[in-house]
């Protein structure tokens, strides 16, 4: 089977920029109070409900934070180079290669899924299938945490940190994503939207949705 271009391009891009990316964002979540707050709320919601998977975990900031909160979490990412950094900087969780669009987990096996700035690399036509995959993998009553830049359209990069890349960053609106989640069988429970900070170009949002309990 031929791999979709967006997967191979995203993998190659992050493999190329992994070291520079990690250096640029070395502060991790230390300067992200809203992200920490939503991760903490998510942790309380999933606690005791089974294993959690951080899909598109990158350098492991969210994975490490959830692990520190006592959540049985593992990380999944396309990029071996990003995973190598995650293992060094946030040891403890298990990390493995994989795609959020093709989760290799049993139906109903997860208590929670975290997708922090990873769904943004999935082209809009593929998003419904990705959300359906999340729904399949979660146990009844399980929770999903999404983080994303707010807006419409796509921002393309053919250069990043001095490397040639082919990376697309898709924007979402909270209302639009809520509708897609409803179509996939989720109920959106909370949305936190904040203004752009520092050098950011767009507002950001964190959304928690739930698979119905029965």
C-alpha atoms as a PDB file:
ATOM      1  CA  UNK A   1       0.000   0.000   0.000  1.00  0.00           C
ATOM      2  CA  UNK A   2       1.321   3.453  -0.927  1.00  0.00           C
ATOM      3  CA  UNK A   3       1.534   5.742   2.087  1.00  0.00           C
ATOM      4  CA  UNK A   4      -0.432   9.004   1.796  1.00  0.00           C
ATOM      5  CA  UNK A   5       1.777  11.972   0.983  1.00  0.00           C
ATOM      6  CA  UNK A   6       0.823  13.918   4.109  1.00  0.00           C
ATOM      7  CA  UNK A   7       2.196  11.128   6.311  1.00  0.00           C
ATOM      8  CA  UNK A   8       5.513  10.742   4.515  1.00  0.00           C
ATOM      9  CA  UNK A   9       5.961  14.515   4.244  1.00  0.00           C
ATOM     10  CA  UNK A  10       5.200  15.075   7.940  1.00  0.00           C
ATOM     11  CA  UNK A  11       7.567  12.289   8.990  1.00  0.00           C
ATOM     12  CA  UNK A  12      10.389  13.564   6.771  1.00  0.00           C
ATOM     13  CA  UNK A  13       9.872  17.148   7.891  1.00  0.00           C
ATOM     14  CA  UNK A  14      10.052  16.422  11.603  1.00  0.00           C
ATOM     15  CA  UNK A  15      12.919  13.987  11.193  1.00  0.00           C
ATOM     16  CA  UNK A  16      14.829  16.811   9.495  1.00  0.00           C
ATOM     17  CA  UNK A  17      14.106  19.536  12.067  1.00  0.00           C
ATOM     18  CA  UNK A  18      13.888  17.488  15.278  1.00  0.00           C
ATOM     19  CA  UNK A  19      17.005  18.833  17.006  1.00  0.00           C
ATOM     20  CA  UNK A  20      16.341  22.465  16.114  1.00  0.00           C
ATOM     21  CA  UNK A  21      12.673  22.107  17.023  1.00  0.00           C
ATOM     22  CA  UNK A  22      13.554  20.690  20.432  1.00  0.00           C
ATOM     23  CA  UNK A  23      15.981  23.547  21.078  1.00  0.00           C
ATOM     24  CA  UNK A  24      13.493  26.208  19.972  1.00  0.00           C
ATOM     25  CA  UNK A  25      10.750  24.804  22.200  1.00  0.00           C
ATOM     26  CA  UNK A  26      12.967  23.677  25.073  1.00  0.00           C
ATOM     27  CA  UNK A  27      10.703  25.468  27.567  1.00  0.00           C
ATOM     28  CA  UNK A  28       8.091  22.804  26.873  1.00  0.00           C
ATOM     29  CA  UNK A  29       4.929  23.441  28.857  1.00  0.00           C
ATOM     30  CA  UNK A  30       6.608  25.640  31.462  1.00  0.00           C
ATOM     31  CA  UNK A  31       5.341  28.811  29.746  1.00  0.00           C
ATOM     32  CA  UNK A  32       1.990  27.345  28.665  1.00  0.00           C
ATOM     33  CA  UNK A  33      -0.406  27.719  31.625  1.00  0.00           C
ATOM     34  CA  UNK A  34      -3.544  27.088  29.602  1.00  0.00           C
ATOM     35  CA  UNK A  35      -2.170  23.901  28.069  1.00  0.00           C
ATOM     36  CA  UNK A  36      -1.132  22.666  31.522  1.00  0.00           C
ATOM     37  CA  UNK A  37      -4.573  23.464  32.915  1.00  0.00           C
ATOM     38  CA  UNK A  38      -6.361  21.464  30.229  1.00  0.00           C
ATOM     39  CA  UNK A  39      -3.929  18.565  30.529  1.00  0.00           C
ATOM     40  CA  UNK A  40      -4.549  18.534  34.275  1.00  0.00           C
ATOM     41  CA  UNK A  41      -8.325  18.527  33.745  1.00  0.00           C
ATOM     42  CA  UNK A  42      -7.950  15.750  31.178  1.00  0.00           C
ATOM     43  CA  UNK A  43      -5.841  13.755  33.644  1.00  0.00           C
ATOM     44  CA  UNK A  44      -8.558  13.982  36.274  1.00  0.00           C
ATOM     45  CA  UNK A  45     -11.177  12.856  33.777  1.00  0.00           C
ATOM     46  CA  UNK A  46      -9.225   9.806  32.590  1.00  0.00           C
ATOM     47  CA  UNK A  47      -7.715   8.779  35.928  1.00  0.00           C
ATOM     48  CA  UNK A  48      -8.561   5.155  36.679  1.00  0.00           C
ATOM     49  CA  UNK A  49     -10.171   4.683  33.276  1.00  0.00           C
ATOM     50  CA  UNK A  50      -7.410   2.768  31.542  1.00  0.00           C
ATOM     51  CA  UNK A  51      -4.328   3.549  29.472  1.00  0.00           C
ATOM     52  CA  UNK A  52      -3.918   6.837  27.648  1.00  0.00           C
ATOM     53  CA  UNK A  53      -2.242   7.346  24.274  1.00  0.00           C
ATOM     54  CA  UNK A  54      -0.636  10.653  23.283  1.00  0.00           C
ATOM     55  CA  UNK A  55      -0.875  10.573  19.488  1.00  0.00           C
ATOM     56  CA  UNK A  56       1.571  12.711  17.549  1.00  0.00           C
ATOM     57  CA  UNK A  57       3.487  13.149  20.793  1.00  0.00           C
ATOM     58  CA  UNK A  58       6.515  14.816  19.203  1.00  0.00           C
ATOM     59  CA  UNK A  59       9.201  15.534  21.787  1.00  0.00           C
ATOM     60  CA  UNK A  60       6.932  14.221  24.538  1.00  0.00           C
ATOM     61  CA  UNK A  61       5.966  17.360  26.446  1.00  0.00           C
ATOM     62  CA  UNK A  62       2.315  16.382  26.943  1.00  0.00           C
ATOM     63  CA  UNK A  63       3.247  12.721  27.447  1.00  0.00           C
ATOM     64  CA  UNK A  64       5.735  13.625  30.151  1.00  0.00           C
ATOM     65  CA  UNK A  65       3.292  15.966  31.856  1.00  0.00           C
ATOM     66  CA  UNK A  66       0.577  13.320  32.009  1.00  0.00           C
ATOM     67  CA  UNK A  67       3.100  10.767  33.259  1.00  0.00           C
ATOM     68  CA  UNK A  68       4.149  13.152  36.040  1.00  0.00           C
ATOM     69  CA  UNK A  69       0.479  13.430  37.022  1.00  0.00           C
ATOM     70  CA  UNK A  70       0.348   9.659  37.499  1.00  0.00           C
ATOM     71  CA  UNK A  71      -1.477   8.770  34.287  1.00  0.00           C
ATOM     72  CA  UNK A  72      -0.511   5.491  32.524  1.00  0.00           C
ATOM     73  CA  UNK A  73       0.380   7.147  29.231  1.00  0.00           C
ATOM     74  CA  UNK A  74       2.401   6.171  26.174  1.00  0.00           C
ATOM     75  CA  UNK A  75       3.442   8.236  23.170  1.00  0.00           C
ATOM     76  CA  UNK A  76       2.990   7.633  19.452  1.00  0.00           C
ATOM     77  CA  UNK A  77       4.614   9.581  16.630  1.00  0.00           C
ATOM     78  CA  UNK A  78       5.555   9.318  12.961  1.00  0.00           C
ATOM     79  CA  UNK A  79       9.065  10.679  13.498  1.00  0.00           C
ATOM     80  CA  UNK A  80      11.768   8.445  14.943  1.00  0.00           C
ATOM     81  CA  UNK A  81      13.941  11.510  15.532  1.00  0.00           C
ATOM     82  CA  UNK A  82      11.271  13.238  17.604  1.00  0.00           C
ATOM     83  CA  UNK A  83      10.688  10.046  19.590  1.00  0.00           C
ATOM     84  CA  UNK A  84      14.407   9.776  20.356  1.00  0.00           C
ATOM     85  CA  UNK A  85      14.252  13.239  21.917  1.00  0.00           C
ATOM     86  CA  UNK A  86      11.081  12.356  23.831  1.00  0.00           C
ATOM     87  CA  UNK A  87      12.776   9.310  25.339  1.00  0.00           C
ATOM     88  CA  UNK A  88      15.723  11.439  26.506  1.00  0.00           C
ATOM     89  CA  UNK A  89      13.811  14.429  27.813  1.00  0.00           C
ATOM     90  CA  UNK A  90      10.722  12.708  29.229  1.00  0.00           C
ATOM     91  CA  UNK A  91      11.770   9.187  30.258  1.00  0.00           C
ATOM     92  CA  UNK A  92       9.280   6.824  31.815  1.00  0.00           C
ATOM     93  CA  UNK A  93       6.483   6.429  29.270  1.00  0.00           C
ATOM     94  CA  UNK A  94       6.724   3.967  26.416  1.00  0.00           C
ATOM     95  CA  UNK A  95       7.142   5.596  22.987  1.00  0.00           C
ATOM     96  CA  UNK A  96       6.568   3.944  19.635  1.00  0.00           C
ATOM     97  CA  UNK A  97       6.351   4.742  15.952  1.00  0.00           C
ATOM     98  CA  UNK A  98       2.908   4.978  14.422  1.00  0.00           C
ATOM     99  CA  UNK A  99       0.254   7.172  12.860  1.00  0.00           C
ATOM    100  CA  UNK A 100      -2.764   8.746  14.525  1.00  0.00           C
ATOM    101  CA  UNK A 101      -4.712   8.002  11.346  1.00  0.00           C
ATOM    102  CA  UNK A 102      -4.172   4.246  11.744  1.00  0.00           C
ATOM    103  CA  UNK A 103      -4.091   3.402  15.443  1.00  0.00           C
ATOM    104  CA  UNK A 104      -2.763  -0.105  16.047  1.00  0.00           C
ATOM    105  CA  UNK A 105      -4.784  -0.674  19.223  1.00  0.00           C
ATOM    106  CA  UNK A 106      -7.744  -2.889  20.051  1.00  0.00           C
ATOM    107  CA  UNK A 107     -11.263  -1.527  19.931  1.00  0.00           C
ATOM    108  CA  UNK A 108     -12.280   0.095  23.206  1.00  0.00           C
ATOM    109  CA  UNK A 109      -8.841  -0.386  24.762  1.00  0.00           C
ATOM    110  CA  UNK A 110      -7.982   3.210  25.740  1.00  0.00           C
ATOM    111  CA  UNK A 111      -9.252   5.362  28.564  1.00  0.00           C
ATOM    112  CA  UNK A 112      -8.068   8.538  26.878  1.00  0.00           C
ATOM    113  CA  UNK A 113      -6.418   9.965  23.783  1.00  0.00           C
ATOM    114  CA  UNK A 114      -4.411  13.169  23.699  1.00  0.00           C
ATOM    115  CA  UNK A 115      -3.801  14.794  20.300  1.00  0.00           C
ATOM    116  CA  UNK A 116      -1.910  17.990  21.093  1.00  0.00           C
ATOM    117  CA  UNK A 117      -1.132  19.907  17.890  1.00  0.00           C
ATOM    118  CA  UNK A 118      -1.018  16.694  15.862  1.00  0.00           C
ATOM    119  CA  UNK A 119      -4.414  16.581  14.136  1.00  0.00           C
ATOM    120  CA  UNK A 120      -3.259  19.830  12.495  1.00  0.00           C
ATOM    121  CA  UNK A 121      -1.134  17.778  10.083  1.00  0.00           C
ATOM    122  CA  UNK A 122      -4.120  15.775   8.810  1.00  0.00           C
ATOM    123  CA  UNK A 123      -5.758  17.160   5.645  1.00  0.00           C
ATOM    124  CA  UNK A 124      -9.465  17.978   6.131  1.00  0.00           C
ATOM    125  CA  UNK A 125     -10.749  15.073   3.985  1.00  0.00           C
ATOM    126  CA  UNK A 126      -8.941  12.635   6.306  1.00  0.00           C
ATOM    127  CA  UNK A 127     -10.033  14.194   9.614  1.00  0.00           C
ATOM    128  CA  UNK A 128     -13.407  12.394   9.921  1.00  0.00           C
ATOM    129  CA  UNK A 129     -11.683   9.012   9.554  1.00  0.00           C
ATOM    130  CA  UNK A 130      -9.080   9.982  12.154  1.00  0.00           C
ATOM    131  CA  UNK A 131     -11.799  10.984  14.625  1.00  0.00           C
ATOM    132  CA  UNK A 132     -13.673   7.760  13.905  1.00  0.00           C
ATOM    133  CA  UNK A 133     -10.457   5.895  14.707  1.00  0.00           C
ATOM    134  CA  UNK A 134     -10.195   7.711  18.028  1.00  0.00           C
ATOM    135  CA  UNK A 135     -13.794   6.800  18.818  1.00  0.00           C
ATOM    136  CA  UNK A 136     -13.149   3.136  17.977  1.00  0.00           C
ATOM    137  CA  UNK A 137     -10.059   2.974  20.190  1.00  0.00           C
ATOM    138  CA  UNK A 138     -11.639   4.607  23.250  1.00  0.00           C
ATOM    139  CA  UNK A 139     -13.595   2.765  25.869  1.00  0.00           C
ATOM    140  CA  UNK A 140     -17.181   3.904  26.447  1.00  0.00           C
ATOM    141  CA  UNK A 141     -16.903   7.024  28.581  1.00  0.00           C
ATOM    142  CA  UNK A 142     -13.319   7.678  27.440  1.00  0.00           C
ATOM    143  CA  UNK A 143     -12.063  11.196  26.807  1.00  0.00           C
ATOM    144  CA  UNK A 144     -10.251  12.914  23.950  1.00  0.00           C
ATOM    145  CA  UNK A 145      -8.120  16.053  24.320  1.00  0.00           C
ATOM    146  CA  UNK A 146      -7.338  18.099  21.205  1.00  0.00           C
ATOM    147  CA  UNK A 147      -5.131  21.193  20.933  1.00  0.00           C
ATOM    148  CA  UNK A 148      -4.918  23.243  17.753  1.00  0.00           C
ATOM    149  CA  UNK A 149      -4.445  26.659  16.204  1.00  0.00           C
ATOM    150  CA  UNK A 150      -7.717  28.461  15.560  1.00  0.00           C
ATOM    151  CA  UNK A 151      -8.558  29.595  12.057  1.00  0.00           C
ATOM    152  CA  UNK A 152      -9.337  28.318   8.598  1.00  0.00           C
ATOM    153  CA  UNK A 153      -7.269  27.066   5.711  1.00  0.00           C
ATOM    154  CA  UNK A 154      -3.717  25.780   5.765  1.00  0.00           C
ATOM    155  CA  UNK A 155      -0.286  27.279   6.360  1.00  0.00           C
ATOM    156  CA  UNK A 156       2.437  25.633   4.301  1.00  0.00           C
ATOM    157  CA  UNK A 157       6.179  25.583   5.029  1.00  0.00           C
ATOM    158  CA  UNK A 158       8.789  24.537   2.505  1.00  0.00           C
ATOM    159  CA  UNK A 159      11.612  25.631   4.836  1.00  0.00           C
ATOM    160  CA  UNK A 160      11.977  25.379   8.608  1.00  0.00           C
ATOM    161  CA  UNK A 161      15.018  25.837  10.828  1.00  0.00           C
ATOM    162  CA  UNK A 162      17.232  25.940   7.752  1.00  0.00           C
ATOM    163  CA  UNK A 163      15.940  22.634   6.350  1.00  0.00           C
ATOM    164  CA  UNK A 164      13.872  21.956   3.255  1.00  0.00           C
ATOM    165  CA  UNK A 165      10.500  20.555   4.338  1.00  0.00           C
ATOM    166  CA  UNK A 166       7.008  20.001   2.991  1.00  0.00           C
ATOM    167  CA  UNK A 167       4.831  20.639   6.031  1.00  0.00           C
ATOM    168  CA  UNK A 168       1.189  21.695   6.145  1.00  0.00           C
ATOM    169  CA  UNK A 169      -0.484  23.073   9.267  1.00  0.00           C
ATOM    170  CA  UNK A 170      -4.279  22.962   9.037  1.00  0.00           C
ATOM    171  CA  UNK A 171      -6.371  25.334  11.127  1.00  0.00           C
ATOM    172  CA  UNK A 172      -9.666  24.461  12.806  1.00  0.00           C
ATOM    173  CA  UNK A 173     -12.453  26.422  14.429  1.00  0.00           C
ATOM    174  CA  UNK A 174     -13.833  25.083  17.717  1.00  0.00           C
ATOM    175  CA  UNK A 175     -17.376  25.052  16.286  1.00  0.00           C
ATOM    176  CA  UNK A 176     -16.281  23.234  13.145  1.00  0.00           C
ATOM    177  CA  UNK A 177     -14.326  20.639  15.067  1.00  0.00           C
ATOM    178  CA  UNK A 178     -17.216  20.178  17.491  1.00  0.00           C
ATOM    179  CA  UNK A 179     -19.469  19.333  14.539  1.00  0.00           C
ATOM    180  CA  UNK A 180     -16.956  16.813  13.189  1.00  0.00           C
ATOM    181  CA  UNK A 181     -16.658  15.259  16.644  1.00  0.00           C
ATOM    182  CA  UNK A 182     -20.445  14.956  16.903  1.00  0.00           C
ATOM    183  CA  UNK A 183     -20.513  13.214  13.528  1.00  0.00           C
ATOM    184  CA  UNK A 184     -17.917  10.756  14.888  1.00  0.00           C
ATOM    185  CA  UNK A 185     -20.038  10.017  17.971  1.00  0.00           C
ATOM    186  CA  UNK A 186     -18.401  12.341  20.516  1.00  0.00           C
ATOM    187  CA  UNK A 187     -19.890  14.892  22.876  1.00  0.00           C
ATOM    188  CA  UNK A 188     -17.756  18.009  23.327  1.00  0.00           C
ATOM    189  CA  UNK A 189     -17.566  18.789  27.043  1.00  0.00           C
ATOM    190  CA  UNK A 190     -15.310  21.856  27.191  1.00  0.00           C
ATOM    191  CA  UNK A 191     -13.437  24.305  24.976  1.00  0.00           C
ATOM    192  CA  UNK A 192     -10.729  26.689  26.106  1.00  0.00           C
ATOM    193  CA  UNK A 193      -9.811  29.348  23.566  1.00  0.00           C
ATOM    194  CA  UNK A 194      -6.991  31.818  24.195  1.00  0.00           C
ATOM    195  CA  UNK A 195      -5.532  34.718  22.266  1.00  0.00           C
ATOM    196  CA  UNK A 196      -2.218  34.503  20.436  1.00  0.00           C
ATOM    197  CA  UNK A 197       0.802  35.001  22.681  1.00  0.00           C
ATOM    198  CA  UNK A 198       4.309  36.201  21.870  1.00  0.00           C
ATOM    199  CA  UNK A 199       5.217  35.370  18.277  1.00  0.00           C
ATOM    200  CA  UNK A 200       2.113  33.254  17.658  1.00  0.00           C
ATOM    201  CA  UNK A 201       0.029  34.238  14.643  1.00  0.00           C
ATOM    202  CA  UNK A 202      -3.333  32.775  15.650  1.00  0.00           C
ATOM    203  CA  UNK A 203      -5.458  32.080  18.711  1.00  0.00           C
ATOM    204  CA  UNK A 204      -5.176  28.574  20.132  1.00  0.00           C
ATOM    205  CA  UNK A 205      -7.805  26.204  21.515  1.00  0.00           C
ATOM    206  CA  UNK A 206      -7.937  23.123  23.722  1.00  0.00           C
ATOM    207  CA  UNK A 207     -11.012  20.908  23.494  1.00  0.00           C
ATOM    208  CA  UNK A 208     -12.110  17.925  25.572  1.00  0.00           C
ATOM    209  CA  UNK A 209     -14.689  15.522  24.129  1.00  0.00           C
ATOM    210  CA  UNK A 210     -16.138  12.281  25.449  1.00  0.00           C
ATOM    211  CA  UNK A 211     -17.278   9.009  23.927  1.00  0.00           C
ATOM    212  CA  UNK A 212     -20.713   8.298  25.431  1.00  0.00           C
ATOM    213  CA  UNK A 213     -20.538   5.846  28.339  1.00  0.00           C
ATOM    214  CA  UNK A 214     -22.932   3.311  26.932  1.00  0.00           C
END
